[in-house]
Amino acid sequence: MIGCRSQPHFPLSLILSCLTLLGCGTRGPGVEVDRQPGSSGMLPVTWSPALGLKSLGDIDRRLTEPWDVSFELRNGNTGATVQSCAEYLAFRGQRVGVEPESDGPSLMRISVDCLAIDGLRNAKPARLSSIGMFHLTMDVLRLLPPELGPVVSDDDEARVSLASRAGLSWKAESPNATVHAGENDEIIITEPHYITRLSEMARADFSGGGRQQVMIRSLTEGINSSWTSARLFLLDQEGTDVVITVRKRYEGPGFQR
């Protein structure tokens, strides 16, 4: 396997050239790659095989492909049966309930990948990457912001927002959190009351600025409760900041609990 080691005194241009030519740090194991015409020398768009995409031209097919299960959504007095990503995303921007309520966690886990597939519409090869060496490894908590962890209440939202603005990492905010490897390149973070599973879903220039960004899926569930969340984040790294920045949180329909 070709490796690439950078020393602190190497110029940034040389490091980026190494990353571009050899692919160091730009691809994790088991990823799909889209090499667009005219993108030679750029960092290609990559995505997880879990998304079921053959290419970026396959997005519309995947969004309309029927699921193996269906869900009943309620929006006020209106009900609808949802059995594909496209049908689910049609409710984006609305508050919906799931009937029966016990189906909610299953729909969350399935539908978060719909957001990832749809988000790849904006994916382009990147010219450079300040986040290229970032991967989900055992020491990742010192690099990730606390937003990717459990956020159960408004108080939690305010707490992690304040910690992130202060430049604190997930590890600094939750020092008792532990990490171990899961299946299919995911990592599992265990805290006293919650377990979070993180997976890398894609890498690309999603904002049009030329820089590579990383799309991360966060699945959290309570250890002794039924609380569940499934969220999708776009991460970037600015300048010399150690902690990765949340550039965007992808939003689907809001779930009524």
Protein backbone atom coordinates (compact mmCIF):
# COMPACT_ATOMS: atom_id res chain seq x y z
CA MET A 1 0.00 0.00 0.00
CA ILE A 2 1.37 3.41 -0.93
CA GLY A 3 1.75 5.70 2.07
CA CYS A 4 2.31 9.38 2.40
CA ARG A 5 3.99 11.00 5.41
CA SER A 6 4.08 14.77 5.84
CA GLN A 7 6.52 16.61 8.12
CA PRO A 8 5.61 19.93 9.79
CA HIS A 9 8.16 21.86 7.74
CA PHE A 10 6.85 20.66 4.36
CA PRO A 11 5.06 23.38 2.37
CA LEU A 12 1.29 22.99 2.11
CA SER A 13 1.44 22.85 -1.71
CA LEU A 14 3.70 19.78 -1.55
CA ILE A 15 1.42 18.00 0.93
CA LEU A 16 -1.65 18.70 -1.22
CA SER A 17 0.17 17.47 -4.33
CA CYS A 18 0.96 14.23 -2.52
CA LEU A 19 -2.66 13.83 -1.46
CA THR A 20 -3.94 14.47 -4.98
CA LEU A 21 -1.49 12.25 -6.85
CA LEU A 22 -1.34 9.30 -4.45
CA GLY A 23 -4.79 9.57 -2.88
CA CYS A 24 -3.32 9.66 0.65
CA GLY A 25 -5.98 10.37 3.25
CA THR A 26 -8.64 11.07 0.65
CA ARG A 27 -10.21 7.63 0.48
CA GLY A 28 -11.19 5.29 3.26
CA PRO A 29 -11.66 1.58 2.78
CA GLY A 30 -14.67 0.39 0.82
CA VAL A 31 -15.72 3.58 -0.98
CA GLU A 32 -17.24 4.19 -4.40
CA VAL A 33 -15.45 6.71 -6.64
CA ASP A 34 -16.82 8.97 -9.37
CA ARG A 35 -14.18 10.24 -11.80
CA GLN A 36 -15.77 12.98 -13.85
CA PRO A 37 -14.35 14.01 -17.26
CA GLY A 38 -11.95 16.91 -16.94
CA SER A 39 -11.29 16.27 -13.23
CA SER A 40 -7.78 14.86 -13.64
CA GLY A 41 -5.52 15.96 -10.78
CA MET A 42 -8.48 16.77 -8.53
CA LEU A 43 -9.81 14.90 -5.50
CA PRO A 44 -12.66 12.69 -6.75
CA VAL A 45 -16.14 12.43 -5.29
CA THR A 46 -16.40 9.32 -3.10
CA TRP A 47 -19.33 7.77 -1.25
CA SER A 48 -20.23 4.79 0.89
CA PRO A 49 -21.39 1.59 -0.85
CA ALA A 50 -24.20 1.57 1.73
CA LEU A 51 -25.94 4.27 -0.33
CA GLY A 52 -26.42 1.82 -3.21
CA LEU A 53 -25.30 4.28 -5.90
CA LYS A 54 -23.58 2.99 -9.03
CA SER A 55 -22.61 6.53 -10.07
CA LEU A 56 -23.70 10.12 -9.46
CA GLY A 57 -26.00 9.70 -12.43
CA ASP A 58 -27.83 7.03 -10.45
CA ILE A 59 -29.26 9.41 -7.83
CA ASP A 60 -32.79 9.76 -9.24
CA ARG A 61 -33.15 5.99 -9.59
CA ARG A 62 -32.10 5.41 -5.99
CA LEU A 63 -34.45 8.08 -4.66
CA THR A 64 -37.45 6.52 -6.38
CA GLU A 65 -36.48 2.90 -5.71
CA PRO A 66 -39.10 1.30 -3.39
CA TRP A 67 -38.05 0.29 0.10
CA ASP A 68 -38.72 -3.21 1.40
CA VAL A 69 -41.01 -1.65 4.02
CA SER A 70 -43.55 1.17 4.06
CA PHE A 71 -44.43 3.78 6.69
CA GLU A 72 -47.60 5.69 7.48
CA LEU A 73 -47.02 9.40 7.96
CA ARG A 74 -49.47 11.85 9.49
CA ASN A 75 -49.46 15.56 8.69
CA GLY A 76 -52.36 17.16 10.55
CA ASN A 77 -55.48 15.42 9.30
CA THR A 78 -53.71 14.11 6.21
CA GLY A 79 -52.13 10.67 6.04
CA ALA A 80 -49.79 9.18 3.44
CA THR A 81 -47.98 5.92 2.84
CA VAL A 82 -44.25 6.40 2.24
CA GLN A 83 -42.16 3.69 0.59
CA SER A 84 -39.24 5.51 -1.07
CA CYS A 85 -36.79 8.31 -0.49
CA ALA A 86 -38.60 10.54 -2.98
CA GLU A 87 -41.92 10.09 -1.16
CA TYR A 88 -40.23 10.81 2.17
CA LEU A 89 -38.39 13.91 0.92
CA ALA A 90 -41.68 15.31 -0.42
CA PHE A 91 -42.50 16.09 3.24
CA ARG A 92 -39.29 18.08 3.79
CA GLY A 93 -39.97 21.30 5.69
CA GLN A 94 -43.11 19.85 7.31
CA ARG A 95 -43.78 18.33 10.73
CA VAL A 96 -44.97 14.73 10.45
CA GLY A 97 -45.91 11.92 12.79
CA VAL A 98 -45.35 8.20 12.23
CA GLU A 99 -48.08 5.64 12.84
CA PRO A 100 -47.56 3.53 14.79
CA GLU A 101 -45.13 5.66 16.76
CA SER A 102 -42.92 2.61 17.32
CA ASP A 103 -42.02 2.74 13.58
CA GLY A 104 -40.35 6.14 14.04
CA PRO A 105 -36.81 4.90 14.82
CA SER A 106 -36.83 2.56 11.82
CA LEU A 107 -37.92 5.37 9.49
CA MET A 108 -35.22 7.66 10.90
CA ARG A 109 -32.49 5.11 10.24
CA ILE A 110 -33.66 4.48 6.67
CA SER A 111 -34.44 8.08 5.75
CA VAL A 112 -31.12 9.61 6.87
CA ASP A 113 -29.48 7.85 3.91
CA CYS A 114 -32.06 9.53 1.65
CA LEU A 115 -30.61 12.86 2.75
CA ALA A 116 -27.11 11.64 1.88
CA ILE A 117 -28.13 10.42 -1.58
CA ASP A 118 -29.99 13.66 -2.31
CA GLY A 119 -27.07 15.71 -0.94
CA LEU A 120 -24.73 14.12 -3.48
CA ARG A 121 -26.51 16.12 -6.21
CA ASN A 122 -24.24 19.02 -5.23
CA ALA A 123 -21.05 16.94 -5.08
CA LYS A 124 -18.10 17.99 -7.26
CA PRO A 125 -14.42 17.01 -7.34
CA ALA A 126 -12.36 19.17 -5.00
CA ARG A 127 -9.24 21.15 -5.83
CA LEU A 128 -7.75 20.87 -2.34
CA SER A 129 -8.44 19.47 1.10
CA SER A 130 -7.66 20.61 4.61
CA ILE A 131 -9.72 17.70 5.94
CA GLY A 132 -8.17 15.01 3.72
CA MET A 133 -6.28 13.22 6.49
CA PHE A 134 -9.37 13.00 8.70
CA HIS A 135 -10.92 9.55 9.11
CA LEU A 136 -13.11 7.87 11.71
CA THR A 137 -10.44 6.33 13.93
CA MET A 138 -10.12 5.51 17.62
CA ASP A 139 -8.88 9.01 18.53
CA VAL A 140 -11.57 10.82 16.54
CA LEU A 141 -13.34 12.34 19.58
CA ARG A 142 -10.57 14.89 20.02
CA LEU A 143 -11.23 16.11 16.46
CA LEU A 144 -15.04 16.08 16.30
CA PRO A 145 -17.33 18.81 17.65
CA PRO A 146 -19.90 17.78 20.29
CA GLU A 147 -22.85 18.43 17.92
CA LEU A 148 -22.42 14.93 16.50
CA GLY A 149 -23.17 13.38 19.88
CA PRO A 150 -26.47 13.03 21.79
CA VAL A 151 -28.63 16.17 21.73
CA VAL A 152 -31.84 15.26 23.50
CA SER A 153 -33.20 18.58 24.80
CA ASP A 154 -33.06 22.31 24.17
CA ASP A 155 -30.62 22.54 27.06
CA ASP A 156 -28.36 20.00 25.33
CA GLU A 157 -28.60 22.02 22.12
CA ALA A 158 -27.51 25.18 23.92
CA ARG A 159 -24.71 23.37 25.75
CA VAL A 160 -23.11 21.78 22.69
CA SER A 161 -23.53 24.98 20.67
CA LEU A 162 -21.66 26.93 23.34
CA ALA A 163 -18.94 24.27 23.52
CA SER A 164 -18.49 24.29 19.76
CA ARG A 165 -18.22 28.07 19.59
CA ALA A 166 -15.51 27.80 22.22
CA GLY A 167 -13.63 25.35 19.99
CA LEU A 168 -14.11 22.37 22.34
CA SER A 169 -14.09 18.83 21.03
CA TRP A 170 -16.54 16.01 21.77
CA LYS A 171 -13.89 14.49 24.06
CA ALA A 172 -13.50 17.73 26.02
CA GLU A 173 -17.28 18.01 26.41
CA SER A 174 -17.76 14.30 27.28
CA PRO A 175 -14.49 13.03 28.81
CA ASN A 176 -16.04 9.69 29.81
CA ALA A 177 -17.00 8.77 26.24
CA THR A 178 -15.25 5.68 24.86
CA VAL A 179 -14.70 4.56 21.26
CA HIS A 180 -14.48 1.18 19.60
CA ALA A 181 -14.72 -0.11 16.07
CA GLY A 182 -18.02 -1.31 14.64
CA GLU A 183 -18.89 -3.06 11.39
CA ASN A 184 -18.42 -1.63 7.88
CA ASP A 185 -15.90 1.04 8.95
CA GLU A 186 -18.25 2.65 11.49
CA ILE A 187 -17.09 3.68 14.94
CA ILE A 188 -19.20 3.37 18.09
CA ILE A 189 -19.09 5.94 20.87
CA THR A 190 -20.46 4.88 24.24
CA GLU A 191 -21.49 7.37 26.91
CA PRO A 192 -23.28 6.73 30.22
CA HIS A 193 -26.78 6.93 28.72
CA TYR A 194 -26.33 6.80 24.93
CA ILE A 195 -24.59 4.95 22.13
CA THR A 196 -23.70 6.78 18.89
CA ARG A 197 -22.64 5.12 15.64
CA LEU A 198 -20.73 7.28 13.15
CA SER A 199 -20.20 6.42 9.48
CA GLU A 200 -18.57 8.34 6.65
CA MET A 201 -21.06 8.67 3.82
CA ALA A 202 -19.25 10.82 1.23
CA ARG A 203 -16.34 13.16 0.41
CA ALA A 204 -16.53 15.95 -2.14
CA ASP A 205 -16.73 19.68 -2.67
CA PHE A 206 -20.36 20.18 -1.64
CA SER A 207 -20.33 23.99 -1.35
CA GLY A 208 -18.71 24.98 -4.66
CA GLY A 209 -15.68 26.56 -3.02
CA GLY A 210 -13.22 23.96 -4.28
CA ARG A 211 -12.45 22.41 -0.87
CA GLN A 212 -13.13 18.80 0.05
CA GLN A 213 -15.69 18.23 2.80
CA VAL A 214 -16.84 15.06 4.57
CA MET A 215 -20.43 13.89 5.08
CA ILE A 216 -20.93 11.96 8.35
CA ARG A 217 -23.99 10.01 9.51
CA SER A 218 -24.68 9.98 13.26
CA LEU A 219 -27.09 7.38 14.70
CA THR A 220 -27.77 7.70 18.44
CA GLU A 221 -29.96 5.58 20.70
CA GLY A 222 -30.63 5.53 24.42
CA ILE A 223 -29.17 2.67 26.46
CA ASN A 224 -32.10 2.51 28.89
CA SER A 225 -34.66 4.48 26.91
CA SER A 226 -36.38 4.44 23.52
CA TRP A 227 -34.91 7.80 22.47
CA THR A 228 -33.40 7.67 18.97
CA SER A 229 -31.93 10.16 16.51
CA ALA A 230 -30.49 9.87 13.00
CA ARG A 231 -28.65 12.93 11.68
CA LEU A 232 -26.41 13.84 8.76
CA PHE A 233 -23.63 16.42 8.96
CA LEU A 234 -21.24 18.07 6.51
CA LEU A 235 -17.83 18.64 8.10
CA ASP A 236 -14.99 20.96 7.13
CA GLN A 237 -11.76 22.14 8.69
CA GLU A 238 -10.77 25.77 8.68
CA GLY A 239 -7.18 26.93 8.80
CA THR A 240 -5.19 25.42 11.64
CA ASP A 241 -8.21 24.63 13.85
CA VAL A 242 -7.82 21.21 15.45
CA VAL A 243 -11.53 20.56 15.95
CA ILE A 244 -13.53 19.90 12.78
CA THR A 245 -16.31 22.37 11.96
CA VAL A 246 -19.93 21.46 11.23
CA ARG A 247 -20.57 23.24 7.94
CA LYS A 248 -24.15 22.02 7.55
CA ARG A 249 -26.75 19.75 9.07
CA TYR A 250 -28.99 18.16 6.47
CA GLU A 251 -32.68 18.47 7.26
CA GLY A 252 -35.59 16.25 6.30
CA PRO A 253 -39.15 16.37 7.58
CA GLY A 254 -39.46 17.18 11.27
CA PHE A 255 -40.68 14.27 13.37
CA GLN A 256 -43.39 14.80 15.98
CA ARG A 257 -42.71 12.85 19.16
